[in-house]
C-alpha atoms as a PDB file:
ATOM      1  CA  MET A   1      15.494  -8.478  40.356  1.00  0.00           C
ATOM      2  CA  THR A   2      17.298 -11.290  38.539  1.00  0.00           C
ATOM      3  CA  GLY A   3      15.296 -14.562  38.097  1.00  0.00           C
ATOM      4  CA  GLU A   4      17.668 -16.300  40.603  1.00  0.00           C
ATOM      5  CA  GLN A   5      17.576 -13.144  42.903  1.00  0.00           C
ATOM      6  CA  GLU A   6      13.972 -13.722  42.610  1.00  0.00           C
ATOM      7  CA  LYS A   7      13.960 -17.519  43.132  1.00  0.00           C
ATOM      8  CA  THR A   8      16.486 -17.441  46.432  1.00  0.00           C
ATOM      9  CA  LYS A   9      13.135 -14.918  48.149  1.00  0.00           C
ATOM     10  CA  MET A  10      10.476 -18.007  47.657  1.00  0.00           C
ATOM     11  CA  PRO A  11      10.053 -19.937  50.428  1.00  0.00           C
ATOM     12  CA  VAL A  12      11.842 -23.394  50.093  1.00  0.00           C
ATOM     13  CA  LEU A  13       9.235 -26.203  50.828  1.00  0.00           C
ATOM     14  CA  ALA A  14      10.383 -29.613  51.538  1.00  0.00           C
ATOM     15  CA  ILE A  15       8.111 -31.782  49.556  1.00  0.00           C
ATOM     16  CA  MET A  16       8.918 -36.110  50.619  1.00  0.00           C
ATOM     17  CA  ARG A  17       5.973 -37.186  48.699  1.00  0.00           C
ATOM     18  CA  PRO A  18       6.485 -40.640  46.279  1.00  0.00           C
ATOM     19  CA  GLU A  19       8.714 -40.104  43.374  1.00  0.00           C
ATOM     20  CA  ASN A  20       5.594 -40.348  40.857  1.00  0.00           C
ATOM     21  CA  TYR A  21       4.229 -37.388  42.294  1.00  0.00           C
ATOM     22  CA  ARG A  22       7.050 -35.394  41.331  1.00  0.00           C
ATOM     23  CA  GLU A  23       6.294 -33.334  38.489  1.00  0.00           C
ATOM     24  CA  ARG A  24       2.955 -32.168  39.539  1.00  0.00           C
ATOM     25  CA  SER A  25       3.795 -31.335  43.141  1.00  0.00           C
ATOM     26  CA  GLU A  26       6.786 -29.574  42.180  1.00  0.00           C
ATOM     27  CA  ALA A  27       4.642 -27.476  39.243  1.00  0.00           C
ATOM     28  CA  LEU A  28       1.776 -26.789  41.988  1.00  0.00           C
ATOM     29  CA  ALA A  29       4.835 -25.472  44.480  1.00  0.00           C
ATOM     30  CA  ARG A  30       5.957 -23.169  42.099  1.00  0.00           C
ATOM     31  CA  ASP A  31       2.498 -22.055  41.718  1.00  0.00           C
ATOM     32  CA  TYR A  32       1.544 -21.100  44.959  1.00  0.00           C
ATOM     33  CA  GLY A  33       5.114 -18.998  45.187  1.00  0.00           C
ATOM     34  CA  PHE A  34       7.433 -22.131  46.710  1.00  0.00           C
ATOM     35  CA  ASN A  35      10.789 -22.849  45.988  1.00  0.00           C
ATOM     36  CA  PRO A  36      10.545 -26.795  46.338  1.00  0.00           C
ATOM     37  CA  ILE A  37      13.013 -28.941  47.393  1.00  0.00           C
ATOM     38  CA  TYR A  38      12.196 -32.728  46.676  1.00  0.00           C
ATOM     39  CA  ALA A  39      13.219 -35.608  48.603  1.00  0.00           C
ATOM     40  CA  PRO A  40      10.923 -38.628  48.471  1.00  0.00           C
ATOM     41  CA  MET A  41      10.898 -40.310  52.277  1.00  0.00           C
ATOM     42  CA  ILE A  42       8.289 -42.959  51.112  1.00  0.00           C
ATOM     43  CA  LYS A  43       8.431 -45.481  48.121  1.00  0.00           C
ATOM     44  CA  LEU A  44       5.248 -47.268  46.849  1.00  0.00           C
ATOM     45  CA  GLU A  45       5.867 -50.974  45.351  1.00  0.00           C
ATOM     46  CA  GLY A  46       3.155 -52.755  44.345  1.00  0.00           C
ATOM     47  CA  ILE A  47       2.100 -56.184  46.256  1.00  0.00           C
ATOM     48  CA  LYS A  48      -0.404 -59.298  45.635  1.00  0.00           C
ATOM     49  CA  ASP A  49      -1.573 -61.053  48.609  1.00  0.00           C
ATOM     50  CA  GLU A  50      -3.455 -63.741  49.702  1.00  0.00           C
ATOM     51  CA  GLY A  51      -6.648 -61.822  49.969  1.00  0.00           C
ATOM     52  CA  PHE A  52      -6.523 -60.449  46.513  1.00  0.00           C
ATOM     53  CA  GLU A  53      -7.848 -62.940  43.967  1.00  0.00           C
ATOM     54  CA  PRO A  54     -10.808 -63.679  46.515  1.00  0.00           C
ATOM     55  CA  PHE A  55     -11.488 -60.137  46.747  1.00  0.00           C
ATOM     56  CA  VAL A  56     -11.731 -60.192  42.702  1.00  0.00           C
ATOM     57  CA  ARG A  57     -13.965 -62.822  42.453  1.00  0.00           C
ATOM     58  CA  ARG A  58     -16.581 -61.290  45.137  1.00  0.00           C
ATOM     59  CA  VAL A  59     -16.298 -58.179  43.254  1.00  0.00           C
ATOM     60  CA  LEU A  60     -17.188 -59.956  39.997  1.00  0.00           C
ATOM     61  CA  ALA A  61     -20.050 -62.173  41.656  1.00  0.00           C
ATOM     62  CA  GLY A  62     -21.861 -59.323  43.134  1.00  0.00           C
ATOM     63  CA  GLU A  63     -20.848 -60.272  46.534  1.00  0.00           C
ATOM     64  CA  SER A  64     -19.274 -57.086  47.619  1.00  0.00           C
ATOM     65  CA  ASP A  65     -21.959 -54.904  49.095  1.00  0.00           C
ATOM     66  CA  TYR A  66     -18.782 -51.836  49.445  1.00  0.00           C
ATOM     67  CA  VAL A  67     -15.797 -51.628  48.278  1.00  0.00           C
ATOM     68  CA  VAL A  68     -13.553 -49.001  49.914  1.00  0.00           C
ATOM     69  CA  PHE A  69     -10.467 -47.544  48.049  1.00  0.00           C
ATOM     70  CA  THR A  70      -8.575 -45.361  50.881  1.00  0.00           C
ATOM     71  CA  SER A  71      -6.348 -43.845  48.182  1.00  0.00           C
ATOM     72  CA  ALA A  72      -5.676 -43.354  44.319  1.00  0.00           C
ATOM     73  CA  ASN A  73      -2.987 -45.734  44.757  1.00  0.00           C
ATOM     74  CA  GLY A  74      -5.087 -48.507  45.758  1.00  0.00           C
ATOM     75  CA  VAL A  75      -7.119 -47.900  42.682  1.00  0.00           C
ATOM     76  CA  THR A  76      -4.333 -48.272  40.363  1.00  0.00           C
ATOM     77  CA  PHE A  77      -2.452 -50.714  41.943  1.00  0.00           C
ATOM     78  CA  THR A  78      -5.292 -53.050  42.124  1.00  0.00           C
ATOM     79  CA  LEU A  79      -5.818 -52.170  38.105  1.00  0.00           C
ATOM     80  CA  ASP A  80      -2.540 -52.874  37.639  1.00  0.00           C
ATOM     81  CA  LYS A  81      -3.032 -56.329  38.506  1.00  0.00           C
ATOM     82  CA  LEU A  82      -5.491 -57.184  36.050  1.00  0.00           C
ATOM     83  CA  SER A  83      -5.348 -58.092  32.070  1.00  0.00           C
ATOM     84  CA  GLU A  84      -7.135 -55.875  29.925  1.00  0.00           C
ATOM     85  CA  THR A  85     -10.036 -58.083  29.461  1.00  0.00           C
ATOM     86  CA  GLU A  86     -10.181 -58.530  33.453  1.00  0.00           C
ATOM     87  CA  LYS A  87     -10.167 -54.616  34.186  1.00  0.00           C
ATOM     88  CA  GLU A  88     -13.326 -54.284  32.142  1.00  0.00           C
ATOM     89  CA  GLU A  89     -15.151 -56.944  33.686  1.00  0.00           C
ATOM     90  CA  PHE A  90     -13.785 -55.918  36.908  1.00  0.00           C
ATOM     91  CA  ILE A  91     -14.775 -52.340  36.743  1.00  0.00           C
ATOM     92  CA  ASN A  92     -17.710 -53.037  35.043  1.00  0.00           C
ATOM     93  CA  ALA A  93     -18.958 -55.598  38.480  1.00  0.00           C
ATOM     94  CA  LEU A  94     -17.677 -52.584  40.818  1.00  0.00           C
ATOM     95  CA  LYS A  95     -20.214 -50.206  39.514  1.00  0.00           C
ATOM     96  CA  LYS A  96     -22.826 -52.696  40.799  1.00  0.00           C
ATOM     97  CA  SER A  97     -21.346 -52.046  44.492  1.00  0.00           C
ATOM     98  CA  ARG A  98     -21.528 -48.929  46.624  1.00  0.00           C
ATOM     99  CA  ILE A  99     -18.116 -47.844  46.187  1.00  0.00           C
ATOM    100  CA  ILE A 100     -16.586 -45.763  48.748  1.00  0.00           C
ATOM    101  CA  ALA A 101     -13.700 -42.918  47.921  1.00  0.00           C
ATOM    102  CA  ILE A 102     -11.655 -41.770  50.653  1.00  0.00           C
ATOM    103  CA  GLY A 103     -10.150 -38.593  49.545  1.00  0.00           C
ATOM    104  CA  PRO A 104     -10.884 -36.321  46.234  1.00  0.00           C
ATOM    105  CA  ASN A 105      -7.975 -37.867  44.644  1.00  0.00           C
ATOM    106  CA  THR A 106      -9.374 -41.292  45.321  1.00  0.00           C
ATOM    107  CA  GLU A 107     -12.763 -39.718  43.456  1.00  0.00           C
ATOM    108  CA  LYS A 108     -11.150 -38.507  40.421  1.00  0.00           C
ATOM    109  CA  GLU A 109      -9.174 -41.362  39.508  1.00  0.00           C
ATOM    110  CA  LEU A 110     -12.416 -43.867  40.427  1.00  0.00           C
ATOM    111  CA  VAL A 111     -13.881 -40.981  37.663  1.00  0.00           C
ATOM    112  CA  LYS A 112     -10.651 -41.868  35.220  1.00  0.00           C
ATOM    113  CA  ILE A 113     -12.114 -45.454  34.785  1.00  0.00           C
ATOM    114  CA  GLY A 114     -16.025 -44.599  34.540  1.00  0.00           C
ATOM    115  CA  ILE A 115     -17.201 -44.511  38.094  1.00  0.00           C
ATOM    116  CA  ASP A 116     -18.901 -41.404  38.956  1.00  0.00           C
ATOM    117  CA  ASN A 117     -21.094 -42.537  41.687  1.00  0.00           C
ATOM    118  CA  SER A 118     -18.525 -42.894  44.524  1.00  0.00           C
ATOM    119  CA  PHE A 119     -19.517 -42.095  47.816  1.00  0.00           C
ATOM    120  CA  LEU A 120     -16.642 -39.436  49.621  1.00  0.00           C
ATOM    121  CA  PRO A 121     -16.706 -39.434  53.188  1.00  0.00           C
ATOM    122  CA  ALA A 122     -16.809 -35.564  54.752  1.00  0.00           C
ATOM    123  CA  ASP A 123     -14.050 -36.916  57.079  1.00  0.00           C
ATOM    124  CA  TYR A 124     -10.995 -38.924  55.897  1.00  0.00           C
ATOM    125  CA  SER A 125     -10.209 -40.424  58.576  1.00  0.00           C
ATOM    126  CA  SER A 126     -10.871 -44.153  59.402  1.00  0.00           C
ATOM    127  CA  GLU A 127     -12.849 -42.715  62.436  1.00  0.00           C
ATOM    128  CA  GLY A 128     -14.865 -40.748  59.660  1.00  0.00           C
ATOM    129  CA  ILE A 129     -15.473 -43.313  57.480  1.00  0.00           C
ATOM    130  CA  VAL A 130     -16.737 -45.623  60.305  1.00  0.00           C
ATOM    131  CA  GLU A 131     -19.107 -42.781  61.552  1.00  0.00           C
ATOM    132  CA  ALA A 132     -20.504 -42.198  57.852  1.00  0.00           C
ATOM    133  CA  LEU A 133     -21.185 -46.269  57.281  1.00  0.00           C
ATOM    134  CA  CYS A 134     -21.961 -47.524  60.486  1.00  0.00           C
ATOM    135  CA  PRO A 135     -25.630 -46.851  60.135  1.00  0.00           C
ATOM    136  CA  GLU A 136     -26.062 -49.227  57.000  1.00  0.00           C
ATOM    137  CA  ILE A 137     -23.662 -52.039  57.133  1.00  0.00           C
ATOM    138  CA  ARG A 138     -24.498 -54.708  59.414  1.00  0.00           C
ATOM    139  CA  GLY A 139     -25.178 -57.903  57.793  1.00  0.00           C
ATOM    140  CA  LYS A 140     -22.895 -56.337  54.666  1.00  0.00           C
ATOM    141  CA  ILE A 141     -19.690 -57.554  53.432  1.00  0.00           C
ATOM    142  CA  VAL A 142     -17.119 -54.364  53.104  1.00  0.00           C
ATOM    143  CA  ASP A 143     -13.984 -54.886  50.917  1.00  0.00           C
ATOM    144  CA  LEU A 144     -10.901 -52.871  51.559  1.00  0.00           C
ATOM    145  CA  ALA A 145      -8.088 -52.280  49.015  1.00  0.00           C
ATOM    146  CA  ARG A 146      -5.264 -50.426  50.346  1.00  0.00           C
ATOM    147  CA  SER A 147      -1.549 -50.449  51.680  1.00  0.00           C
ATOM    148  CA  ALA A 148      -0.215 -52.887  53.993  1.00  0.00           C
ATOM    149  CA  PHE A 149       0.313 -50.278  56.382  1.00  0.00           C
ATOM    150  CA  GLY A 150      -3.680 -49.347  56.814  1.00  0.00           C
ATOM    151  CA  ALA A 151      -4.700 -48.752  59.995  1.00  0.00           C
ATOM    152  CA  LYS A 152      -6.524 -51.785  62.040  1.00  0.00           C
ATOM    153  CA  VAL A 153      -9.001 -49.017  63.733  1.00  0.00           C
ATOM    154  CA  LEU A 154     -10.582 -49.156  60.332  1.00  0.00           C
ATOM    155  CA  ILE A 155     -11.359 -52.631  59.942  1.00  0.00           C
ATOM    156  CA  GLU A 156     -12.385 -52.991  63.764  1.00  0.00           C
ATOM    157  CA  GLY A 157     -14.415 -49.973  63.631  1.00  0.00           C
ATOM    158  CA  LEU A 158     -16.541 -51.890  60.413  1.00  0.00           C
ATOM    159  CA  GLU A 159     -16.719 -54.833  62.210  1.00  0.00           C
ATOM    160  CA  LYS A 160     -17.980 -53.361  65.691  1.00  0.00           C
ATOM    161  CA  CYS A 161     -20.956 -51.865  63.012  1.00  0.00           C
ATOM    162  CA  GLY A 162     -21.792 -55.383  62.199  1.00  0.00           C
ATOM    163  CA  ALA A 163     -19.997 -55.930  58.901  1.00  0.00           C
ATOM    164  CA  THR A 164     -17.913 -58.712  57.627  1.00  0.00           C
ATOM    165  CA  VAL A 165     -14.913 -57.000  56.528  1.00  0.00           C
ATOM    166  CA  TYR A 166     -12.215 -58.516  53.704  1.00  0.00           C
ATOM    167  CA  GLU A 167      -8.543 -56.480  53.526  1.00  0.00           C
ATOM    168  CA  THR A 168      -6.505 -56.757  50.659  1.00  0.00           C
ATOM    169  CA  HIS A 169      -2.775 -54.861  50.269  1.00  0.00           C
ATOM    170  CA  VAL A 170      -2.574 -53.706  46.736  1.00  0.00           C
ATOM    171  CA  TYR A 171       0.513 -51.916  47.418  1.00  0.00           C
ATOM    172  CA  THR A 172       3.340 -51.545  50.254  1.00  0.00           C
ATOM    173  CA  LEU A 173       5.304 -48.504  51.692  1.00  0.00           C
ATOM    174  CA  SER A 174       9.019 -48.403  51.923  1.00  0.00           C
ATOM    175  CA  ILE A 175      11.550 -45.993  52.876  1.00  0.00           C
ATOM    176  CA  PRO A 176      13.839 -44.933  49.990  1.00  0.00           C
ATOM    177  CA  GLU A 177      17.725 -44.164  50.662  1.00  0.00           C
ATOM    178  CA  GLY A 178      19.681 -42.080  49.087  1.00  0.00           C
ATOM    179  CA  GLU A 179      21.514 -38.655  48.382  1.00  0.00           C
ATOM    180  CA  ALA A 180      18.231 -36.441  48.218  1.00  0.00           C
ATOM    181  CA  GLN A 181      17.457 -37.628  51.629  1.00  0.00           C
ATOM    182  CA  LYS A 182      20.433 -36.804  53.286  1.00  0.00           C
ATOM    183  CA  GLU A 183      20.775 -33.375  51.562  1.00  0.00           C
ATOM    184  CA  LEU A 184      17.049 -32.659  52.752  1.00  0.00           C
ATOM    185  CA  ILE A 185      18.252 -33.668  56.420  1.00  0.00           C
ATOM    186  CA  GLU A 186      21.224 -31.483  56.047  1.00  0.00           C
ATOM    187  CA  ARG A 187      19.634 -28.444  54.374  1.00  0.00           C
ATOM    188  CA  THR A 188      16.947 -28.798  57.298  1.00  0.00           C
ATOM    189  CA  LEU A 189      19.717 -28.745  60.170  1.00  0.00           C
ATOM    190  CA  ALA A 190      21.350 -25.670  58.157  1.00  0.00           C
ATOM    191  CA  GLY A 191      18.243 -23.927  58.290  1.00  0.00           C
ATOM    192  CA  LYS A 192      17.684 -23.326  54.844  1.00  0.00           C
ATOM    193  CA  VAL A 193      14.341 -25.018  54.613  1.00  0.00           C
ATOM    194  CA  ASP A 194      11.038 -22.510  55.707  1.00  0.00           C
ATOM    195  CA  ALA A 195       8.413 -25.332  55.562  1.00  0.00           C
ATOM    196  CA  PHE A 196       8.030 -28.795  54.901  1.00  0.00           C
ATOM    197  CA  ALA A 197       4.764 -30.566  53.650  1.00  0.00           C
ATOM    198  CA  PHE A 198       3.879 -33.996  55.803  1.00  0.00           C
ATOM    199  CA  THR A 199       1.555 -36.017  53.788  1.00  0.00           C
ATOM    200  CA  SER A 200       1.792 -39.268  55.555  1.00  0.00           C
ATOM    201  CA  SER A 201       2.495 -40.486  58.949  1.00  0.00           C
ATOM    202  CA  MET A 202       4.990 -43.384  56.921  1.00  0.00           C
ATOM    203  CA  MET A 203       6.763 -40.243  55.772  1.00  0.00           C
ATOM    204  CA  VAL A 204       7.385 -38.426  58.869  1.00  0.00           C
ATOM    205  CA  LYS A 205       8.864 -41.835  60.119  1.00  0.00           C
ATOM    206  CA  GLY A 206      10.799 -41.637  56.798  1.00  0.00           C
ATOM    207  CA  PHE A 207      12.215 -38.656  57.293  1.00  0.00           C
ATOM    208  CA  MET A 208      13.250 -39.121  61.582  1.00  0.00           C
ATOM    209  CA  LYS A 209      14.662 -41.978  60.707  1.00  0.00           C
ATOM    210  CA  HIS A 210      17.043 -40.405  58.027  1.00  0.00           C
ATOM    211  CA  ALA A 211      17.600 -37.767  60.878  1.00  0.00           C
ATOM    212  CA  LYS A 212      18.660 -40.400  63.392  1.00  0.00           C
ATOM    213  CA  GLY A 213      20.887 -42.090  60.569  1.00  0.00           C
ATOM    214  CA  LEU A 214      22.928 -38.753  60.420  1.00  0.00           C
ATOM    215  CA  GLY A 215      22.822 -38.803  64.730  1.00  0.00           C
ATOM    216  CA  SER A 216      20.792 -35.524  64.574  1.00  0.00           C
ATOM    217  CA  GLU A 217      17.247 -36.761  65.692  1.00  0.00           C
ATOM    218  CA  GLU A 218      17.217 -34.433  68.629  1.00  0.00           C
ATOM    219  CA  THR A 219      18.306 -31.294  67.042  1.00  0.00           C
ATOM    220  CA  ILE A 220      15.998 -31.371  63.920  1.00  0.00           C
ATOM    221  CA  LYS A 221      13.126 -31.271  65.979  1.00  0.00           C
ATOM    222  CA  GLU A 222      14.378 -28.116  67.565  1.00  0.00           C
ATOM    223  CA  THR A 223      14.688 -27.119  63.940  1.00  0.00           C
ATOM    224  CA  LEU A 224      11.598 -27.965  62.676  1.00  0.00           C
ATOM    225  CA  ASN A 225       9.489 -26.178  65.487  1.00  0.00           C
ATOM    226  CA  ARG A 226      11.175 -23.014  64.275  1.00  0.00           C
ATOM    227  CA  ALA A 227       9.782 -23.621  60.989  1.00  0.00           C
ATOM    228  CA  VAL A 228       6.151 -24.128  59.490  1.00  0.00           C
ATOM    229  CA  VAL A 229       5.166 -27.758  59.563  1.00  0.00           C
ATOM    230  CA  GLY A 230       2.040 -28.701  57.743  1.00  0.00           C
ATOM    231  CA  ALA A 231       0.611 -32.084  57.792  1.00  0.00           C
ATOM    232  CA  ILE A 232      -2.364 -33.450  55.787  1.00  0.00           C
ATOM    233  CA  GLY A 233      -4.979 -35.010  58.124  1.00  0.00           C
ATOM    234  CA  THR A 234      -4.846 -35.712  61.926  1.00  0.00           C
ATOM    235  CA  PRO A 235      -3.019 -39.046  62.059  1.00  0.00           C
ATOM    236  CA  THR A 236      -0.230 -37.816  60.645  1.00  0.00           C
ATOM    237  CA  GLY A 237      -0.222 -34.592  63.097  1.00  0.00           C
ATOM    238  CA  LYS A 238      -0.568 -37.168  65.582  1.00  0.00           C
ATOM    239  CA  THR A 239       2.301 -38.733  64.617  1.00  0.00           C
ATOM    240  CA  LEU A 240       4.462 -35.495  64.265  1.00  0.00           C
ATOM    241  CA  LYS A 241       3.596 -34.796  67.793  1.00  0.00           C
ATOM    242  CA  LYS A 242       4.883 -38.153  69.044  1.00  0.00           C
ATOM    243  CA  TYR A 243       7.867 -37.202  67.769  1.00  0.00           C
ATOM    244  CA  GLY A 244       7.951 -34.056  69.612  1.00  0.00           C
ATOM    245  CA  ILE A 245       7.055 -32.143  66.411  1.00  0.00           C
ATOM    246  CA  ASN A 246       4.781 -29.106  66.458  1.00  0.00           C
ATOM    247  CA  THR A 247       2.717 -28.904  63.802  1.00  0.00           C
ATOM    248  CA  LYS A 248       1.586 -25.320  62.855  1.00  0.00           C
ATOM    249  CA  VAL A 249      -0.475 -26.437  59.661  1.00  0.00           C
ATOM    250  CA  ILE A 250      -3.793 -29.207  59.025  1.00  0.00           C
ATOM    251  CA  PRO A 251      -6.124 -27.921  56.420  1.00  0.00           C
ATOM    252  CA  ASP A 252     -10.140 -29.091  56.901  1.00  0.00           C
ATOM    253  CA  GLU A 253      -9.617 -30.761  53.408  1.00  0.00           C
ATOM    254  CA  PHE A 254      -7.049 -33.844  53.056  1.00  0.00           C
ATOM    255  CA  THR A 255      -5.619 -32.453  49.590  1.00  0.00           C
ATOM    256  CA  PHE A 256      -2.062 -31.894  48.631  1.00  0.00           C
ATOM    257  CA  GLU A 257      -3.104 -28.109  47.414  1.00  0.00           C
ATOM    258  CA  ALA A 258      -5.294 -27.351  50.076  1.00  0.00           C
ATOM    259  CA  LEU A 259      -2.103 -27.947  52.277  1.00  0.00           C
ATOM    260  CA  LEU A 260       0.207 -26.331  50.185  1.00  0.00           C
ATOM    261  CA  LYS A 261      -2.395 -22.932  50.489  1.00  0.00           C
ATOM    262  CA  ALA A 262      -2.286 -23.244  54.252  1.00  0.00           C
ATOM    263  CA  ILE A 263       1.228 -23.582  54.698  1.00  0.00           C
ATOM    264  CA  LYS A 264       1.837 -20.323  52.474  1.00  0.00           C
ATOM    265  CA  ASN A 265      -0.975 -18.260  54.444  1.00  0.00           C
ATOM    266  CA  GLN A 266       0.811 -19.682  57.696  1.00  0.00           C
ATOM    267  CA  LEU A 267       4.273 -18.180  56.177  1.00  0.00           C
ATOM    268  CA  GLN A 268       2.384 -14.708  55.143  1.00  0.00           C
ATOM    269  CA  GLU A 269       1.283 -14.521  58.790  1.00  0.00           C
ATOM    270  CA  PHE A 270       4.933 -14.704  60.221  1.00  0.00           C
ATOM    271  CA  GLU A 271       6.223 -12.352  57.528  1.00  0.00           C
ATOM    272  CA  GLY A 272       3.568  -9.865  59.315  1.00  0.00           C
ATOM    273  CA  LEU A 273       4.937 -10.424  62.454  1.00  0.00           C
ATOM    274  CA  THR A 274       8.506  -9.980  61.899  1.00  0.00           C
END
């Protein structure tokens, strides 16, 4: 069997993560035996809102009791706004607060900058964060550094527990347009994609926006429901459900690698039934 013939037998996996994840996402997918098709449905863009400077001042002054980073991107986009001198001072000051890392990738990003004692809640959802922190945050100041699309339920939940919560949006998300996105929709409609890895609600919305743009919103739901659709986390699964799409895989661990493992296992089960 030639290498090309072998490749065609590998299940085709749609990866829709932002462009900066492409290299490692494709490599990981191939390691798990997938033939990846990459079409970003999310674009990350750094922003600096009116809450950023007060956030930095509170951290430097030691006023932030808790600092919550909801993603690795939240860490990198925060530091990108600071000069080298400011970064060093900010990181040193962060070490005096209690740092909450949502997800293992966020934790790893913090370790890279020298913060190795962050707290990682077992449940990476907004509800899980609130549940983990609620017993200890009454009267405390909590700072959130995250995307402009962060769920309000996190702020509301922390405030109900008695915390004073400040939020700064350090990056935003948009839906990219191009041939790659159009090609993915067309290949999906043609039944040439075996599995889909959705890693956020915004990604689902981007995918469905492109399908709608091609007049195929209803048809693509039927196609997806015949494939293996995987989602990182319950919120992403709920968003898929709102669009009428059945999520067949939600891994216990909310990481891309765990999602790939779960999708692979589901495909193997399907093969065993046929």
